[in-house]
Amino acid sequence: MKKKIISYAILLLAVVFIIVGVMQSGYQDTLRRAAVVCLECVGIG
């Protein structure tokens, strides 16, 4: 029972952090950096 409560608490915390990140446009920074890394890997960037 205690394990289940901890699992749900961690899940809720993760969802809260995801929502906060989306509200602060954190995903755009991550997407931009991922694109740069990908282009560097191919040799374009």
PDB file of N, CA and C in Angstrom:
ATOM      1  N   MET A   1       0.830  -1.199   0.000  1.00  0.00           N
ATOM      2  CA  MET A   1       0.000   0.000   0.000  1.00  0.00           C
ATOM      3  C   MET A   1       0.873   1.261   0.000  1.00  0.00           C
ATOM      4  N   LYS A   2       1.904   1.271   0.845  1.00  0.00           N
ATOM      5  CA  LYS A   2       2.780   2.431   0.930  1.00  0.00           C
ATOM      6  C   LYS A   2       3.534   2.646  -0.381  1.00  0.00           C
ATOM      7  N   LYS A   3       3.912   1.534  -1.028  1.00  0.00           N
ATOM      8  CA  LYS A   3       4.624   1.603  -2.294  1.00  0.00           C
ATOM      9  C   LYS A   3       3.751   2.245  -3.378  1.00  0.00           C
ATOM     10  N   LYS A   4       2.470   1.929  -3.352  1.00  0.00           N
ATOM     11  CA  LYS A   4       1.536   2.476  -4.327  1.00  0.00           C
ATOM     12  C   LYS A   4       1.378   3.984  -4.144  1.00  0.00           C
ATOM     13  N   ILE A   5       1.311   4.432  -2.916  1.00  0.00           N
ATOM     14  CA  ILE A   5       1.167   5.855  -2.630  1.00  0.00           C
ATOM     15  C   ILE A   5       2.407   6.611  -3.104  1.00  0.00           C
ATOM     16  N   ILE A   6       3.578   6.049  -2.860  1.00  0.00           N
ATOM     17  CA  ILE A   6       4.823   6.688  -3.299  1.00  0.00           C
ATOM     18  C   ILE A   6       4.871   6.766  -4.817  1.00  0.00           C
ATOM     19  N   SER A   7       4.439   5.709  -5.490  1.00  0.00           N
ATOM     20  CA  SER A   7       4.429   5.700  -6.954  1.00  0.00           C
ATOM     21  C   SER A   7       3.513   6.785  -7.503  1.00  0.00           C
ATOM     22  N   TYR A   8       2.337   6.927  -6.930  1.00  0.00           N
ATOM     23  CA  TYR A   8       1.400   7.952  -7.382  1.00  0.00           C
ATOM     24  C   TYR A   8       1.927   9.353  -7.074  1.00  0.00           C
ATOM     25  N   ALA A   9       2.602   9.517  -5.951  1.00  0.00           N
ATOM     26  CA  ALA A   9       3.165  10.823  -5.605  1.00  0.00           C
ATOM     27  C   ALA A   9       4.256  11.214  -6.594  1.00  0.00           C
ATOM     28  N   ILE A  10       5.112  10.271  -6.969  1.00  0.00           N
ATOM     29  CA  ILE A  10       6.162  10.549  -7.950  1.00  0.00           C
ATOM     30  C   ILE A  10       5.551  10.864  -9.313  1.00  0.00           C
ATOM     31  N   LEU A  11       4.535  10.136  -9.696  1.00  0.00           N
ATOM     32  CA  LEU A  11       3.851  10.402 -10.965  1.00  0.00           C
ATOM     33  C   LEU A  11       3.232  11.799 -10.966  1.00  0.00           C
ATOM     34  N   LEU A  12       2.579  12.166  -9.891  1.00  0.00           N
ATOM     35  CA  LEU A  12       1.973  13.489  -9.784  1.00  0.00           C
ATOM     36  C   LEU A  12       3.038  14.581  -9.846  1.00  0.00           C
ATOM     37  N   LEU A  13       4.142  14.383  -9.171  1.00  0.00           N
ATOM     38  CA  LEU A  13       5.237  15.354  -9.191  1.00  0.00           C
ATOM     39  C   LEU A  13       5.811  15.501 -10.599  1.00  0.00           C
ATOM     40  N   ALA A  14       5.951  14.394 -11.311  1.00  0.00           N
ATOM     41  CA  ALA A  14       6.457  14.434 -12.688  1.00  0.00           C
ATOM     42  C   ALA A  14       5.502  15.224 -13.588  1.00  0.00           C
ATOM     43  N   VAL A  15       4.223  14.996 -13.443  1.00  0.00           N
ATOM     44  CA  VAL A  15       3.232  15.717 -14.255  1.00  0.00           C
ATOM     45  C   VAL A  15       3.280  17.212 -13.944  1.00  0.00           C
ATOM     46  N   VAL A  16       3.426  17.558 -12.672  1.00  0.00           N
ATOM     47  CA  VAL A  16       3.519  18.968 -12.295  1.00  0.00           C
ATOM     48  C   VAL A  16       4.746  19.608 -12.935  1.00  0.00           C
ATOM     49  N   PHE A  17       5.900  18.922 -12.895  1.00  0.00           N
ATOM     50  CA  PHE A  17       7.111  19.470 -13.495  1.00  0.00           C
ATOM     51  C   PHE A  17       6.970  19.609 -15.010  1.00  0.00           C
ATOM     52  N   ILE A  18       6.310  18.668 -15.642  1.00  0.00           N
ATOM     53  CA  ILE A  18       6.085  18.760 -17.090  1.00  0.00           C
ATOM     54  C   ILE A  18       5.218  19.968 -17.418  1.00  0.00           C
ATOM     55  N   ILE A  19       4.167  20.166 -16.656  1.00  0.00           N
ATOM     56  CA  ILE A  19       3.271  21.308 -16.891  1.00  0.00           C
ATOM     57  C   ILE A  19       4.011  22.624 -16.686  1.00  0.00           C
ATOM     58  N   VAL A  20       4.814  22.714 -15.633  1.00  0.00           N
ATOM     59  CA  VAL A  20       5.582  23.933 -15.374  1.00  0.00           C
ATOM     60  C   VAL A  20       6.565  24.183 -16.511  1.00  0.00           C
ATOM     61  N   GLY A  21       7.231  23.147 -16.992  1.00  0.00           N
ATOM     62  CA  GLY A  21       8.173  23.290 -18.088  1.00  0.00           C
ATOM     63  C   GLY A  21       7.508  23.760 -19.370  1.00  0.00           C
ATOM     64  N   VAL A  22       6.336  23.230 -19.655  1.00  0.00           N
ATOM     65  CA  VAL A  22       5.604  23.645 -20.862  1.00  0.00           C
ATOM     66  C   VAL A  22       5.145  25.093 -20.731  1.00  0.00           C
ATOM     67  N   MET A  23       4.705  25.488 -19.547  1.00  0.00           N
ATOM     68  CA  MET A  23       4.250  26.860 -19.340  1.00  0.00           C
ATOM     69  C   MET A  23       5.399  27.859 -19.474  1.00  0.00           C
ATOM     70  N   GLN A  24       6.623  27.435 -19.181  1.00  0.00           N
ATOM     71  CA  GLN A  24       7.775  28.323 -19.277  1.00  0.00           C
ATOM     72  C   GLN A  24       8.484  28.184 -20.626  1.00  0.00           C
ATOM     73  N   SER A  25       7.900  27.468 -21.546  1.00  0.00           N
ATOM     74  CA  SER A  25       8.454  27.228 -22.886  1.00  0.00           C
ATOM     75  C   SER A  25       9.800  26.514 -22.836  1.00  0.00           C
ATOM     76  N   GLY A  26       9.979  25.667 -21.871  1.00  0.00           N
ATOM     77  CA  GLY A  26      11.214  24.905 -21.749  1.00  0.00           C
ATOM     78  C   GLY A  26      11.391  23.895 -22.869  1.00  0.00           C
ATOM     79  N   TYR A  27      10.306  23.439 -23.421  1.00  0.00           N
ATOM     80  CA  TYR A  27      10.383  22.454 -24.497  1.00  0.00           C
ATOM     81  C   TYR A  27      11.004  23.055 -25.751  1.00  0.00           C
ATOM     82  N   GLN A  28      10.831  24.343 -25.960  1.00  0.00           N
ATOM     83  CA  GLN A  28      11.409  24.983 -27.148  1.00  0.00           C
ATOM     84  C   GLN A  28      12.935  24.997 -27.067  1.00  0.00           C
ATOM     85  N   ASP A  29      13.470  25.261 -25.881  1.00  0.00           N
ATOM     86  CA  ASP A  29      14.922  25.236 -25.703  1.00  0.00           C
ATOM     87  C   ASP A  29      15.465  23.835 -25.951  1.00  0.00           C
ATOM     88  N   THR A  30      14.775  22.851 -25.415  1.00  0.00           N
ATOM     89  CA  THR A  30      15.204  21.465 -25.580  1.00  0.00           C
ATOM     90  C   THR A  30      15.148  21.052 -27.042  1.00  0.00           C
ATOM     91  N   LEU A  31      14.096  21.422 -27.727  1.00  0.00           N
ATOM     92  CA  LEU A  31      13.949  21.082 -29.139  1.00  0.00           C
ATOM     93  C   LEU A  31      15.033  21.757 -29.975  1.00  0.00           C
ATOM     94  N   ARG A  32      15.315  23.019 -29.678  1.00  0.00           N
ATOM     95  CA  ARG A  32      16.354  23.755 -30.411  1.00  0.00           C
ATOM     96  C   ARG A  32      17.720  23.101 -30.204  1.00  0.00           C
ATOM     97  N   ARG A  33      18.050  22.743 -28.972  1.00  0.00           N
ATOM     98  CA  ARG A  33      19.342  22.117 -28.696  1.00  0.00           C
ATOM     99  C   ARG A  33      19.442  20.742 -29.348  1.00  0.00           C
ATOM    100  N   ALA A  34      18.342  19.999 -29.327  1.00  0.00           N
ATOM    101  CA  ALA A  34      18.345  18.679 -29.958  1.00  0.00           C
ATOM    102  C   ALA A  34      18.566  18.802 -31.461  1.00  0.00           C
ATOM    103  N   ALA A  35      17.967  19.801 -32.077  1.00  0.00           N
ATOM    104  CA  ALA A  35      18.142  20.002 -33.517  1.00  0.00           C
ATOM    105  C   ALA A  35      19.583  20.361 -33.838  1.00  0.00           C
ATOM    106  N   VAL A  36      20.203  21.185 -33.005  1.00  0.00           N
ATOM    107  CA  VAL A  36      21.593  21.574 -33.231  1.00  0.00           C
ATOM    108  C   VAL A  36      22.507  20.363 -33.111  1.00  0.00           C
ATOM    109  N   VAL A  37      22.283  19.553 -32.080  1.00  0.00           N
ATOM    110  CA  VAL A  37      23.103  18.353 -31.897  1.00  0.00           C
ATOM    111  C   VAL A  37      22.923  17.408 -33.071  1.00  0.00           C
ATOM    112  N   CYS A  38      21.695  17.252 -33.530  1.00  0.00           N
ATOM    113  CA  CYS A  38      21.422  16.355 -34.648  1.00  0.00           C
ATOM    114  C   CYS A  38      22.106  16.852 -35.923  1.00  0.00           C
ATOM    115  N   LEU A  39      22.038  18.150 -36.169  1.00  0.00           N
ATOM    116  CA  LEU A  39      22.674  18.701 -37.366  1.00  0.00           C
ATOM    117  C   LEU A  39      24.185  18.606 -37.280  1.00  0.00           C
ATOM    118  N   GLU A  40      24.758  18.776 -36.089  1.00  0.00           N
ATOM    119  CA  GLU A  40      26.201  18.632 -35.924  1.00  0.00           C
ATOM    120  C   GLU A  40      26.622  17.186 -36.183  1.00  0.00           C
ATOM    121  N   CYS A  41      25.784  16.264 -35.744  1.00  0.00           N
ATOM    122  CA  CYS A  41      26.088  14.837 -35.929  1.00  0.00           C
ATOM    123  C   CYS A  41      26.126  14.485 -37.411  1.00  0.00           C
ATOM    124  N   VAL A  42      25.235  15.072 -38.194  1.00  0.00           N
ATOM    125  CA  VAL A  42      25.181  14.813 -39.624  1.00  0.00           C
ATOM    126  C   VAL A  42      26.293  15.556 -40.343  1.00  0.00           C
ATOM    127  N   GLY A  43      26.776  16.655 -39.745  1.00  0.00           N
ATOM    128  CA  GLY A  43      27.851  17.432 -40.340  1.00  0.00           C
ATOM    129  C   GLY A  43      27.396  18.696 -41.010  1.00  0.00           C
ATOM    130  N   ILE A  44      26.145  19.064 -40.809  1.00  0.00           N
ATOM    131  CA  ILE A  44      25.602  20.274 -41.431  1.00  0.00           C
ATOM    132  C   ILE A  44      25.825  21.487 -40.531  1.00  0.00           C
ATOM    133  N   GLY A  45      25.658  21.317 -39.235  1.00  0.00           N
ATOM    134  CA  GLY A  45      25.695  22.451 -38.315  1.00  0.00           C
ATOM    135  C   GLY A  45      27.026  22.676 -37.805  1.00  0.00           C
TER     136      GLY A  45
END
